[in-house]
PDB file of N, CA and C in Angstrom:
ATOM      1  N   MET A   1      -2.779  -6.827  13.465  1.00  0.00           N
ATOM      2  CA  MET A   1      -1.470  -8.037  12.832  1.00  0.00           C
ATOM      3  C   MET A   1      -1.283  -8.005  13.952  1.00  0.00           C
ATOM      4  N   THR A   2      -0.185  -9.235  14.450  1.00  0.00           N
ATOM      5  CA  THR A   2       0.608  -9.491  15.517  1.00  0.00           C
ATOM      6  C   THR A   2       1.954  -9.138  14.859  1.00  0.00           C
ATOM      7  N   SER A   3       2.654  -9.295  15.890  1.00  0.00           N
ATOM      8  CA  SER A   3       4.185  -8.705  16.067  1.00  0.00           C
ATOM      9  C   SER A   3       4.645 -10.302  15.175  1.00  0.00           C
ATOM     10  N   ASP A   4       4.213 -11.315  15.799  1.00  0.00           N
ATOM     11  CA  ASP A   4       4.859 -12.548  14.395  1.00  0.00           C
ATOM     12  C   ASP A   4       4.282 -12.706  13.129  1.00  0.00           C
ATOM     13  N   THR A   5       3.028 -12.303  12.779  1.00  0.00           N
ATOM     14  CA  THR A   5       2.541 -12.026  11.569  1.00  0.00           C
ATOM     15  C   THR A   5       3.384 -11.352  10.692  1.00  0.00           C
ATOM     16  N   ALA A   6       3.768  -9.598  11.427  1.00  0.00           N
ATOM     17  CA  ALA A   6       4.610  -8.811  10.928  1.00  0.00           C
ATOM     18  C   ALA A   6       6.012  -9.080  10.181  1.00  0.00           C
ATOM     19  N   GLN A   7       6.421  -9.816  11.581  1.00  0.00           N
ATOM     20  CA  GLN A   7       7.987 -10.231  11.183  1.00  0.00           C
ATOM     21  C   GLN A   7       7.929 -11.445  10.174  1.00  0.00           C
ATOM     22  N   THR A   8       7.011 -12.145   9.706  1.00  0.00           N
ATOM     23  CA  THR A   8       7.086 -12.848   8.717  1.00  0.00           C
ATOM     24  C   THR A   8       7.019 -12.478   7.327  1.00  0.00           C
ATOM     25  N   LEU A   9       6.081 -11.661   7.471  1.00  0.00           N
ATOM     26  CA  LEU A   9       5.643 -10.825   6.439  1.00  0.00           C
ATOM     27  C   LEU A   9       7.260  -9.875   5.467  1.00  0.00           C
ATOM     28  N   ARG A  10       7.528  -9.358   7.039  1.00  0.00           N
ATOM     29  CA  ARG A  10       9.099  -8.799   6.671  1.00  0.00           C
ATOM     30  C   ARG A  10      10.094  -9.563   6.480  1.00  0.00           C
ATOM     31  N   THR A  11      10.155 -10.563   6.695  1.00  0.00           N
ATOM     32  CA  THR A  11      11.280 -12.195   6.221  1.00  0.00           C
ATOM     33  C   THR A  11      10.588 -12.352   5.200  1.00  0.00           C
ATOM     34  N   THR A  12       9.781 -12.925   4.342  1.00  0.00           N
ATOM     35  CA  THR A  12       9.090 -13.267   3.422  1.00  0.00           C
ATOM     36  C   THR A  12       9.975 -12.156   2.274  1.00  0.00           C
ATOM     37  N   LEU A  13       9.291 -10.898   2.373  1.00  0.00           N
ATOM     38  CA  LEU A  13       9.506  -9.438   1.561  1.00  0.00           C
ATOM     39  C   LEU A  13      11.383  -9.299   0.792  1.00  0.00           C
ATOM     40  N   THR A  14      11.661  -9.704   2.403  1.00  0.00           N
ATOM     41  CA  THR A  14      13.361  -9.630   2.285  1.00  0.00           C
ATOM     42  C   THR A  14      13.915 -10.818   1.515  1.00  0.00           C
ATOM     43  N   ALA A  15      13.386 -12.010   1.728  1.00  0.00           N
ATOM     44  CA  ALA A  15      14.042 -13.058   0.785  1.00  0.00           C
ATOM     45  C   ALA A  15      13.532 -12.650  -0.822  1.00  0.00           C
ATOM     46  N   PHE A  16      11.969 -12.194  -0.868  1.00  0.00           N
ATOM     47  CA  PHE A  16      11.880 -12.031  -2.098  1.00  0.00           C
ATOM     48  C   PHE A  16      13.166 -10.870  -2.714  1.00  0.00           C
ATOM     49  N   ASN A  17      13.487  -9.804  -2.289  1.00  0.00           N
ATOM     50  CA  ASN A  17      14.398  -8.467  -2.597  1.00  0.00           C
ATOM     51  C   ASN A  17      15.642  -9.405  -2.782  1.00  0.00           C
ATOM     52  N   GLY A  18      15.971 -10.687  -1.884  1.00  0.00           N
ATOM     53  CA  GLY A  18      17.684 -10.953  -1.967  1.00  0.00           C
ATOM     54  C   GLY A  18      17.679 -11.797  -2.522  1.00  0.00           C
ATOM     55  N   TYR A  19      16.464 -12.804  -3.364  1.00  0.00           N
ATOM     56  CA  TYR A  19      16.670 -13.641  -4.141  1.00  0.00           C
ATOM     57  C   TYR A  19      16.382 -13.101  -5.749  1.00  0.00           C
ATOM     58  N   SER A  20      15.402 -11.894  -5.364  1.00  0.00           N
ATOM     59  CA  SER A  20      14.920 -11.560  -7.014  1.00  0.00           C
ATOM     60  C   SER A  20      16.091 -10.483  -7.371  1.00  0.00           C
ATOM     61  N   SER A  21      17.217  -9.421  -6.500  1.00  0.00           N
ATOM     62  CA  SER A  21      17.949  -8.783  -6.846  1.00  0.00           C
ATOM     63  C   SER A  21      19.025  -9.055  -7.779  1.00  0.00           C
ATOM     64  N   PRO A  22      19.610 -10.249  -7.811  1.00  0.00           N
ATOM     65  CA  PRO A  22      20.790 -10.657  -8.434  1.00  0.00           C
ATOM     66  C   PRO A  22      20.438 -11.110  -9.820  1.00  0.00           C
ATOM     67  N   LEU A  23      19.240 -11.559  -9.883  1.00  0.00           N
ATOM     68  CA  LEU A  23      18.552 -12.230 -11.372  1.00  0.00           C
ATOM     69  C   LEU A  23      18.446 -11.066 -12.226  1.00  0.00           C
ATOM     70  N   ILE A  24      18.172  -9.654 -11.851  1.00  0.00           N
ATOM     71  CA  ILE A  24      17.740  -8.714 -12.498  1.00  0.00           C
ATOM     72  C   ILE A  24      19.031  -7.781 -12.692  1.00  0.00           C
ATOM     73  N   GLN A  25      19.925  -8.115 -12.080  1.00  0.00           N
ATOM     74  CA  GLN A  25      20.873  -7.240 -12.360  1.00  0.00           C
ATOM     75  C   GLN A  25      22.131  -7.511 -13.781  1.00  0.00           C
ATOM     76  N   PRO A  26      21.911  -6.568 -14.528  1.00  0.00           N
ATOM     77  CA  PRO A  26      22.797  -6.796 -15.906  1.00  0.00           C
ATOM     78  C   PRO A  26      24.451  -7.332 -15.632  1.00  0.00           C
ATOM     79  N   ASP A  27      25.347  -7.190 -14.812  1.00  0.00           N
ATOM     80  CA  ASP A  27      26.653  -7.187 -14.627  1.00  0.00           C
ATOM     81  C   ASP A  27      26.447  -8.807 -13.827  1.00  0.00           C
ATOM     82  N   ILE A  28      25.737  -9.048 -13.161  1.00  0.00           N
ATOM     83  CA  ILE A  28      25.612 -10.697 -12.684  1.00  0.00           C
ATOM     84  C   ILE A  28      25.047 -11.755 -13.787  1.00  0.00           C
ATOM     85  N   SER A  29      26.422 -12.445 -13.555  1.00  0.00           N
ATOM     86  CA  SER A  29      25.948 -13.667 -14.436  1.00  0.00           C
ATOM     87  C   SER A  29      26.085 -14.772 -13.637  1.00  0.00           C
ATOM     88  N   LEU A  30      24.932 -15.590 -13.300  1.00  0.00           N
ATOM     89  CA  LEU A  30      24.499 -16.692 -12.418  1.00  0.00           C
ATOM     90  C   LEU A  30      24.283 -18.121 -13.487  1.00  0.00           C
ATOM     91  N   PRO A  31      25.099 -19.033 -12.641  1.00  0.00           N
ATOM     92  CA  PRO A  31      25.431 -20.435 -13.421  1.00  0.00           C
ATOM     93  C   PRO A  31      23.666 -20.603 -13.527  1.00  0.00           C
ATOM     94  N   PRO A  32      23.223 -21.461 -14.561  1.00  0.00           N
ATOM     95  CA  PRO A  32      22.002 -22.003 -14.719  1.00  0.00           C
ATOM     96  C   PRO A  32      21.163 -22.312 -13.194  1.00  0.00           C
ATOM     97  N   GLU A  33      21.883 -23.672 -12.535  1.00  0.00           N
ATOM     98  CA  GLU A  33      21.781 -23.974 -11.431  1.00  0.00           C
ATOM     99  C   GLU A  33      21.363 -23.499 -10.097  1.00  0.00           C
ATOM    100  N   ILE A  34      22.063 -22.298  -9.745  1.00  0.00           N
ATOM    101  CA  ILE A  34      21.731 -21.060  -9.210  1.00  0.00           C
ATOM    102  C   ILE A  34      20.623 -19.910  -9.620  1.00  0.00           C
ATOM    103  N   HIS A  35      20.493 -19.948 -10.628  1.00  0.00           N
ATOM    104  CA  HIS A  35      19.981 -19.207 -11.348  1.00  0.00           C
ATOM    105  C   HIS A  35      18.221 -19.817 -11.218  1.00  0.00           C
ATOM    106  N   GLN A  36      18.192 -20.930 -11.180  1.00  0.00           N
ATOM    107  CA  GLN A  36      16.724 -21.818 -10.849  1.00  0.00           C
ATOM    108  C   GLN A  36      16.838 -22.135  -9.394  1.00  0.00           C
ATOM    109  N   GLU A  37      17.544 -22.011  -8.709  1.00  0.00           N
ATOM    110  CA  GLU A  37      17.464 -21.986  -7.268  1.00  0.00           C
ATOM    111  C   GLU A  37      16.959 -21.009  -7.046  1.00  0.00           C
ATOM    112  N   PHE A  38      17.038 -20.399  -7.342  1.00  0.00           N
ATOM    113  CA  PHE A  38      16.758 -18.552  -6.569  1.00  0.00           C
ATOM    114  C   PHE A  38      15.353 -18.816  -6.871  1.00  0.00           C
ATOM    115  N   LEU A  39      14.902 -19.464  -8.278  1.00  0.00           N
ATOM    116  CA  LEU A  39      13.583 -19.166  -8.859  1.00  0.00           C
ATOM    117  C   LEU A  39      13.053 -19.800  -7.960  1.00  0.00           C
ATOM    118  N   GLU A  40      13.160 -21.031  -7.860  1.00  0.00           N
ATOM    119  CA  GLU A  40      12.507 -22.192  -6.693  1.00  0.00           C
ATOM    120  C   GLU A  40      12.259 -21.312  -5.545  1.00  0.00           C
ATOM    121  N   ALA A  41      13.169 -20.901  -5.089  1.00  0.00           N
ATOM    122  CA  ALA A  41      13.341 -20.116  -3.390  1.00  0.00           C
ATOM    123  C   ALA A  41      11.960 -19.090  -3.537  1.00  0.00           C
ATOM    124  N   ILE A  42      12.090 -18.119  -4.412  1.00  0.00           N
ATOM    125  CA  ILE A  42      10.926 -17.025  -4.772  1.00  0.00           C
ATOM    126  C   ILE A  42       9.279 -17.937  -4.958  1.00  0.00           C
ATOM    127  N   ASP A  43       9.553 -18.635  -5.123  1.00  0.00           N
ATOM    128  CA  ASP A  43       8.137 -19.709  -5.289  1.00  0.00           C
ATOM    129  C   ASP A  43       7.422 -20.141  -4.271  1.00  0.00           C
ATOM    130  N   LEU A  44       8.794 -20.704  -3.380  1.00  0.00           N
ATOM    131  CA  LEU A  44       8.204 -20.737  -2.031  1.00  0.00           C
ATOM    132  C   LEU A  44       7.992 -20.018  -1.125  1.00  0.00           C
ATOM    133  N   GLU A  45       8.920 -18.842  -1.029  1.00  0.00           N
ATOM    134  CA  GLU A  45       8.653 -17.635  -0.361  1.00  0.00           C
ATOM    135  C   GLU A  45       7.445 -17.155  -0.951  1.00  0.00           C
ATOM    136  N   THR A  46       6.749 -17.337  -1.819  1.00  0.00           N
ATOM    137  CA  THR A  46       5.457 -16.661  -2.608  1.00  0.00           C
ATOM    138  C   THR A  46       4.759 -17.741  -2.012  1.00  0.00           C
ATOM    139  N   ASP A  47       4.698 -19.081  -1.767  1.00  0.00           N
ATOM    140  CA  ASP A  47       3.440 -19.902  -1.522  1.00  0.00           C
ATOM    141  C   ASP A  47       3.474 -19.507   0.303  1.00  0.00           C
ATOM    142  N   ARG A  48       4.499 -18.950   0.661  1.00  0.00           N
ATOM    143  CA  ARG A  48       4.430 -18.869   2.387  1.00  0.00           C
ATOM    144  C   ARG A  48       3.502 -17.934   2.369  1.00  0.00           C
ATOM    145  N   LEU A  49       4.222 -16.357   1.791  1.00  0.00           N
ATOM    146  CA  LEU A  49       3.560 -15.489   1.927  1.00  0.00           C
ATOM    147  C   LEU A  49       1.413 -15.263   1.698  1.00  0.00           C
ATOM    148  N   ASN A  50       1.197 -16.430   0.622  1.00  0.00           N
ATOM    149  CA  ASN A  50      -0.293 -16.320   0.437  1.00  0.00           C
ATOM    150  C   ASN A  50      -0.470 -17.318   1.618  1.00  0.00           C
ATOM    151  N   GLN A  51       0.151 -18.037   2.442  1.00  0.00           N
ATOM    152  CA  GLN A  51      -0.520 -18.673   3.382  1.00  0.00           C
ATOM    153  C   GLN A  51      -0.530 -17.656   4.717  1.00  0.00           C
ATOM    154  N   VAL A  52       0.384 -17.245   5.204  1.00  0.00           N
ATOM    155  CA  VAL A  52       0.540 -15.810   6.034  1.00  0.00           C
ATOM    156  C   VAL A  52      -0.874 -15.014   5.468  1.00  0.00           C
ATOM    157  N   LEU A  53      -1.035 -14.326   4.357  1.00  0.00           N
ATOM    158  CA  LEU A  53      -2.352 -13.606   4.125  1.00  0.00           C
ATOM    159  C   LEU A  53      -3.513 -14.426   3.859  1.00  0.00           C
ATOM    160  N   GLY A  54      -3.438 -15.550   3.885  1.00  0.00           N
ATOM    161  CA  GLY A  54      -4.956 -16.264   3.565  1.00  0.00           C
ATOM    162  C   GLY A  54      -5.325 -16.616   5.360  1.00  0.00           C
ATOM    163  N   GLY A  55      -4.320 -16.639   5.998  1.00  0.00           N
ATOM    164  CA  GLY A  55      -4.790 -16.824   7.632  1.00  0.00           C
ATOM    165  C   GLY A  55      -5.112 -15.207   8.378  1.00  0.00           C
ATOM    166  N   LEU A  56      -4.641 -14.183   7.393  1.00  0.00           N
ATOM    167  CA  LEU A  56      -5.391 -12.798   8.418  1.00  0.00           C
ATOM    168  C   LEU A  56      -6.876 -12.864   7.682  1.00  0.00           C
ATOM    169  N   SER A  57      -6.973 -13.179   6.403  1.00  0.00           N
ATOM    170  CA  SER A  57      -8.540 -12.436   5.760  1.00  0.00           C
ATOM    171  C   SER A  57      -9.863 -13.026   6.954  1.00  0.00           C
ATOM    172  N   PRO A  58      -9.353 -14.210   7.287  1.00  0.00           N
ATOM    173  CA  PRO A  58     -10.693 -14.492   8.109  1.00  0.00           C
ATOM    174  C   PRO A  58     -10.894 -13.269   9.224  1.00  0.00           C
ATOM    175  N   SER A  59      -9.426 -13.085  10.080  1.00  0.00           N
ATOM    176  CA  SER A  59      -9.901 -12.164  10.884  1.00  0.00           C
ATOM    177  C   SER A  59      -9.874 -10.738  10.410  1.00  0.00           C
ATOM    178  N   PHE A  60      -9.949 -10.075   9.259  1.00  0.00           N
ATOM    179  CA  PHE A  60      -9.979  -8.973   8.806  1.00  0.00           C
ATOM    180  C   PHE A  60     -11.620  -8.944   8.780  1.00  0.00           C
ATOM    181  N   GLN A  61     -12.174 -10.170   8.535  1.00  0.00           N
ATOM    182  CA  GLN A  61     -13.538 -10.391   7.851  1.00  0.00           C
ATOM    183  C   GLN A  61     -14.510  -9.958   8.908  1.00  0.00           C
ATOM    184  N   ASN A  62     -13.957 -10.504  10.102  1.00  0.00           N
ATOM    185  CA  ASN A  62     -14.673 -10.233  11.552  1.00  0.00           C
ATOM    186  C   ASN A  62     -14.784  -9.072  12.170  1.00  0.00           C
ATOM    187  N   GLN A  63     -14.378  -8.002  11.388  1.00  0.00           N
ATOM    188  CA  GLN A  63     -13.967  -6.650  12.276  1.00  0.00           C
ATOM    189  C   GLN A  63     -15.197  -5.631  11.300  1.00  0.00           C
ATOM    190  N   PRO A  64     -16.388  -5.471  11.804  1.00  0.00           N
ATOM    191  CA  PRO A  64     -17.184  -4.703  11.251  1.00  0.00           C
ATOM    192  C   PRO A  64     -17.383  -3.770  11.054  1.00  0.00           C
ATOM    193  N   ASP A  65     -16.321  -3.028  12.077  1.00  0.00           N
ATOM    194  CA  ASP A  65     -16.005  -1.274  12.282  1.00  0.00           C
ATOM    195  C   ASP A  65     -15.133  -0.795  11.328  1.00  0.00           C
ATOM    196  N   GLU A  66     -14.728  -2.170   9.981  1.00  0.00           N
ATOM    197  CA  GLU A  66     -13.647  -1.661   9.573  1.00  0.00           C
ATOM    198  C   GLU A  66     -13.838  -0.576   8.089  1.00  0.00           C
ATOM    199  N   PRO A  67     -13.055   0.758   8.080  1.00  0.00           N
ATOM    200  CA  PRO A  67     -13.900   1.775   7.243  1.00  0.00           C
ATOM    201  C   PRO A  67     -13.941   1.250   6.139  1.00  0.00           C
ATOM    202  N   GLN A  68     -15.060   1.914   5.173  1.00  0.00           N
ATOM    203  CA  GLN A  68     -15.308   1.540   3.760  1.00  0.00           C
ATOM    204  C   GLN A  68     -15.015   2.612   3.096  1.00  0.00           C
ATOM    205  N   LEU A  69     -14.868   2.366   1.865  1.00  0.00           N
ATOM    206  CA  LEU A  69     -13.795   3.364   1.035  1.00  0.00           C
ATOM    207  C   LEU A  69     -15.614   3.918   0.538  1.00  0.00           C
ATOM    208  N   ASP A  70     -16.042   5.142   0.269  1.00  0.00           N
ATOM    209  CA  ASP A  70     -16.964   5.917  -0.648  1.00  0.00           C
ATOM    210  C   ASP A  70     -16.311   6.547  -1.573  1.00  0.00           C
ATOM    211  N   VAL A  71     -16.166   6.472  -2.601  1.00  0.00           N
ATOM    212  CA  VAL A  71     -15.332   6.947  -3.672  1.00  0.00           C
ATOM    213  C   VAL A  71     -16.470   7.784  -4.562  1.00  0.00           C
ATOM    214  N   GLN A  72     -15.833   9.083  -4.336  1.00  0.00           N
ATOM    215  CA  GLN A  72     -17.112   9.859  -5.472  1.00  0.00           C
ATOM    216  C   GLN A  72     -16.162  10.778  -5.992  1.00  0.00           C
ATOM    217  N   SER A  73     -16.440  11.249  -7.091  1.00  0.00           N
ATOM    218  CA  SER A  73     -15.777  12.219  -7.916  1.00  0.00           C
ATOM    219  C   SER A  73     -16.222  13.688  -7.871  1.00  0.00           C
ATOM    220  N   SER A  74     -15.194  14.428  -7.497  1.00  0.00           N
ATOM    221  CA  SER A  74     -15.386  15.820  -7.134  1.00  0.00           C
ATOM    222  C   SER A  74     -14.178  16.938  -7.769  1.00  0.00           C
ATOM    223  N   SER A  75     -14.121  18.252  -7.674  1.00  0.00           N
ATOM    224  CA  SER A  75     -13.489  18.960  -8.201  1.00  0.00           C
ATOM    225  C   SER A  75     -12.551  19.276  -7.161  1.00  0.00           C
ATOM    226  N   ILE A  76     -11.304  19.948  -6.841  1.00  0.00           N
ATOM    227  CA  ILE A  76     -10.329  20.300  -6.024  1.00  0.00           C
ATOM    228  C   ILE A  76     -11.253  21.460  -5.332  1.00  0.00           C
ATOM    229  N   GLU A  77     -12.218  22.321  -6.453  1.00  0.00           N
ATOM    230  CA  GLU A  77     -12.660  23.664  -5.493  1.00  0.00           C
ATOM    231  C   GLU A  77     -13.676  22.933  -4.399  1.00  0.00           C
ATOM    232  N   ILE A  78     -14.306  21.958  -5.300  1.00  0.00           N
ATOM    233  CA  ILE A  78     -15.699  21.307  -3.984  1.00  0.00           C
ATOM    234  C   ILE A  78     -15.076  21.204  -2.960  1.00  0.00           C
ATOM    235  N   LEU A  79     -13.674  20.346  -2.871  1.00  0.00           N
ATOM    236  CA  LEU A  79     -13.495  19.779  -2.172  1.00  0.00           C
ATOM    237  C   LEU A  79     -12.810  20.745  -0.762  1.00  0.00           C
ATOM    238  N   PHE A  80     -11.920  21.915  -1.705  1.00  0.00           N
ATOM    239  CA  PHE A  80     -11.624  23.176  -0.965  1.00  0.00           C
ATOM    240  C   PHE A  80     -12.680  23.553  -0.054  1.00  0.00           C
ATOM    241  N   ASP A  81     -14.091  23.923  -0.661  1.00  0.00           N
ATOM    242  CA  ASP A  81     -15.496  24.492  -0.148  1.00  0.00           C
ATOM    243  C   ASP A  81     -15.688  23.473   0.966  1.00  0.00           C
ATOM    244  N   GLN A  82     -15.828  22.549   0.981  1.00  0.00           N
ATOM    245  CA  GLN A  82     -15.954  21.504   1.790  1.00  0.00           C
ATOM    246  C   GLN A  82     -15.485  21.410   2.910  1.00  0.00           C
ATOM    247  N   VAL A  83     -13.945  21.819   3.466  1.00  0.00           N
ATOM    248  CA  VAL A  83     -12.955  21.805   4.000  1.00  0.00           C
ATOM    249  C   VAL A  83     -13.333  22.937   4.662  1.00  0.00           C
ATOM    250  N   GLN A  84     -13.505  24.159   4.316  1.00  0.00           N
ATOM    251  CA  GLN A  84     -13.499  25.702   4.704  1.00  0.00           C
ATOM    252  C   GLN A  84     -15.079  25.469   5.673  1.00  0.00           C
ATOM    253  N   ALA A  85     -16.074  24.848   5.325  1.00  0.00           N
ATOM    254  CA  ALA A  85     -17.425  24.539   5.531  1.00  0.00           C
ATOM    255  C   ALA A  85     -17.584  23.527   6.593  1.00  0.00           C
ATOM    256  N   ASP A  86     -16.589  22.434   6.740  1.00  0.00           N
ATOM    257  CA  ASP A  86     -15.908  21.618   8.376  1.00  0.00           C
ATOM    258  C   ASP A  86     -15.402  22.619   9.283  1.00  0.00           C
ATOM    259  N   LEU A  87     -14.510  23.610   8.549  1.00  0.00           N
ATOM    260  CA  LEU A  87     -13.875  24.373   9.512  1.00  0.00           C
ATOM    261  C   LEU A  87     -14.648  25.322  10.556  1.00  0.00           C
ATOM    262  N   GLY A  88     -15.565  25.965   9.453  1.00  0.00           N
ATOM    263  CA  GLY A  88     -16.743  26.817  10.070  1.00  0.00           C
ATOM    264  C   GLY A  88     -17.498  25.864  11.122  1.00  0.00           C
ATOM    265  N   LEU A  89     -17.630  24.979  10.948  1.00  0.00           N
ATOM    266  CA  LEU A  89     -18.622  23.802  11.649  1.00  0.00           C
ATOM    267  C   LEU A  89     -17.611  23.510  13.036  1.00  0.00           C
ATOM    268  N   ALA A  90     -16.682  23.502  12.983  1.00  0.00           N
ATOM    269  CA  ALA A  90     -15.581  23.457  13.911  1.00  0.00           C
ATOM    270  C   ALA A  90     -15.107  24.470  14.668  1.00  0.00           C
ATOM    271  N   GLY A  91     -15.953  25.477  14.162  1.00  0.00           N
ATOM    272  CA  GLY A  91     -15.613  26.537  15.168  1.00  0.00           C
ATOM    273  C   GLY A  91     -14.395  27.182  15.190  1.00  0.00           C
ATOM    274  N   TRP A  92     -13.839  27.048  13.580  1.00  0.00           N
ATOM    275  CA  TRP A  92     -12.233  27.715  13.381  1.00  0.00           C
ATOM    276  C   TRP A  92     -12.618  28.747  13.405  1.00  0.00           C
ATOM    277  N   SER A  93     -11.844  30.323  14.065  1.00  0.00           N
ATOM    278  CA  SER A  93     -12.065  31.178  13.691  1.00  0.00           C
ATOM    279  C   SER A  93     -10.987  31.894  12.753  1.00  0.00           C
ATOM    280  N   LYS A  94     -10.363  31.331  12.522  1.00  0.00           N
ATOM    281  CA  LYS A  94      -9.187  32.203  11.758  1.00  0.00           C
ATOM    282  C   LYS A  94      -9.190  31.796   9.984  1.00  0.00           C
ATOM    283  N   THR A  95      -9.280  32.569   8.928  1.00  0.00           N
ATOM    284  CA  THR A  95      -9.600  32.281   7.908  1.00  0.00           C
ATOM    285  C   THR A  95      -8.509  32.028   6.869  1.00  0.00           C
ATOM    286  N   VAL A  96      -8.568  30.916   6.374  1.00  0.00           N
ATOM    287  CA  VAL A  96      -8.392  30.147   5.220  1.00  0.00           C
ATOM    288  C   VAL A  96      -8.299  30.108   4.028  1.00  0.00           C
ATOM    289  N   THR A  97      -7.126  30.430   3.472  1.00  0.00           N
ATOM    290  CA  THR A  97      -7.406  30.662   1.730  1.00  0.00           C
ATOM    291  C   THR A  97      -6.780  29.387   1.098  1.00  0.00           C
ATOM    292  N   PHE A  98      -7.516  28.549   0.286  1.00  0.00           N
ATOM    293  CA  PHE A  98      -6.954  28.002  -0.500  1.00  0.00           C
ATOM    294  C   PHE A  98      -6.641  28.102  -1.941  1.00  0.00           C
ATOM    295  N   ARG A  99      -5.549  28.172  -2.330  1.00  0.00           N
ATOM    296  CA  ARG A  99      -4.850  28.641  -4.084  1.00  0.00           C
ATOM    297  C   ARG A  99      -4.596  27.168  -4.137  1.00  0.00           C
ATOM    298  N   CYS A 100      -5.182  26.858  -5.737  1.00  0.00           N
ATOM    299  CA  CYS A 100      -4.454  26.012  -6.143  1.00  0.00           C
ATOM    300  C   CYS A 100      -4.293  26.521  -8.235  1.00  0.00           C
ATOM    301  N   ALA A 101      -3.827  26.026  -8.656  1.00  0.00           N
ATOM    302  CA  ALA A 101      -2.828  26.322  -9.482  1.00  0.00           C
ATOM    303  C   ALA A 101      -4.061  25.685 -10.435  1.00  0.00           C
ATOM    304  N   PRO A 102      -4.243  26.560 -11.753  1.00  0.00           N
ATOM    305  CA  PRO A 102      -5.778  26.226 -12.887  1.00  0.00           C
ATOM    306  C   PRO A 102      -5.144  24.998 -13.443  1.00  0.00           C
ATOM    307  N   GLY A 103      -6.333  24.146 -14.026  1.00  0.00           N
ATOM    308  CA  GLY A 103      -5.814  23.187 -15.246  1.00  0.00           C
ATOM    309  C   GLY A 103      -4.659  21.997 -14.945  1.00  0.00           C
ATOM    310  N   LEU A 104      -4.745  21.695 -13.438  1.00  0.00           N
ATOM    311  CA  LEU A 104      -4.369  20.510 -12.733  1.00  0.00           C
ATOM    312  C   LEU A 104      -5.130  19.008 -13.270  1.00  0.00           C
ATOM    313  N   PRO A 105      -4.499  18.267 -12.887  1.00  0.00           N
ATOM    314  CA  PRO A 105      -4.826  16.787 -13.859  1.00  0.00           C
ATOM    315  C   PRO A 105      -6.040  16.388 -12.660  1.00  0.00           C
ATOM    316  N   ALA A 106      -6.474  15.397 -12.670  1.00  0.00           N
ATOM    317  CA  ALA A 106      -7.414  14.949 -11.713  1.00  0.00           C
ATOM    318  C   ALA A 106      -6.340  13.817 -11.053  1.00  0.00           C
ATOM    319  N   VAL A 107      -6.998  13.680  -9.518  1.00  0.00           N
ATOM    320  CA  VAL A 107      -6.068  12.848  -8.859  1.00  0.00           C
ATOM    321  C   VAL A 107      -6.849  12.095  -8.117  1.00  0.00           C
ATOM    322  N   MET A 108      -6.652  11.302  -7.428  1.00  0.00           N
ATOM    323  CA  MET A 108      -7.347  10.619  -6.325  1.00  0.00           C
ATOM    324  C   MET A 108      -6.796  10.764  -4.846  1.00  0.00           C
ATOM    325  N   VAL A 109      -7.767  11.129  -3.956  1.00  0.00           N
ATOM    326  CA  VAL A 109      -7.067  11.363  -2.602  1.00  0.00           C
ATOM    327  C   VAL A 109      -7.771  10.643  -1.669  1.00  0.00           C
ATOM    328  N   ASP A 110      -7.489  10.869  -0.026  1.00  0.00           N
ATOM    329  CA  ASP A 110      -8.426  10.104   0.720  1.00  0.00           C
ATOM    330  C   ASP A 110      -8.497  11.198   1.522  1.00  0.00           C
TER     331      ASP A 110
END
């Protein structure tokens, strides 16, 4: 991503925030015409963001070495065992102990 693209994205997101913040504040009352102007500005910035993102898509598609996700279901114990095995393969000589409270909810990790 180029610095121009990043700046355009940052500017657009700042505009979203600037126009939407007054609209959602309960203690701010805007005249209907200003309210409408803010909504139109948000709509315009949304179009601008879509154009920028659309321009990025082809460049992302041309990157064959882009990592792909391989989603798998596993338990934390299996993950800990895998890390310990990987440490052993890497020649790690120190003892590592993983502790985790029982009954924790499932989560997605990377």
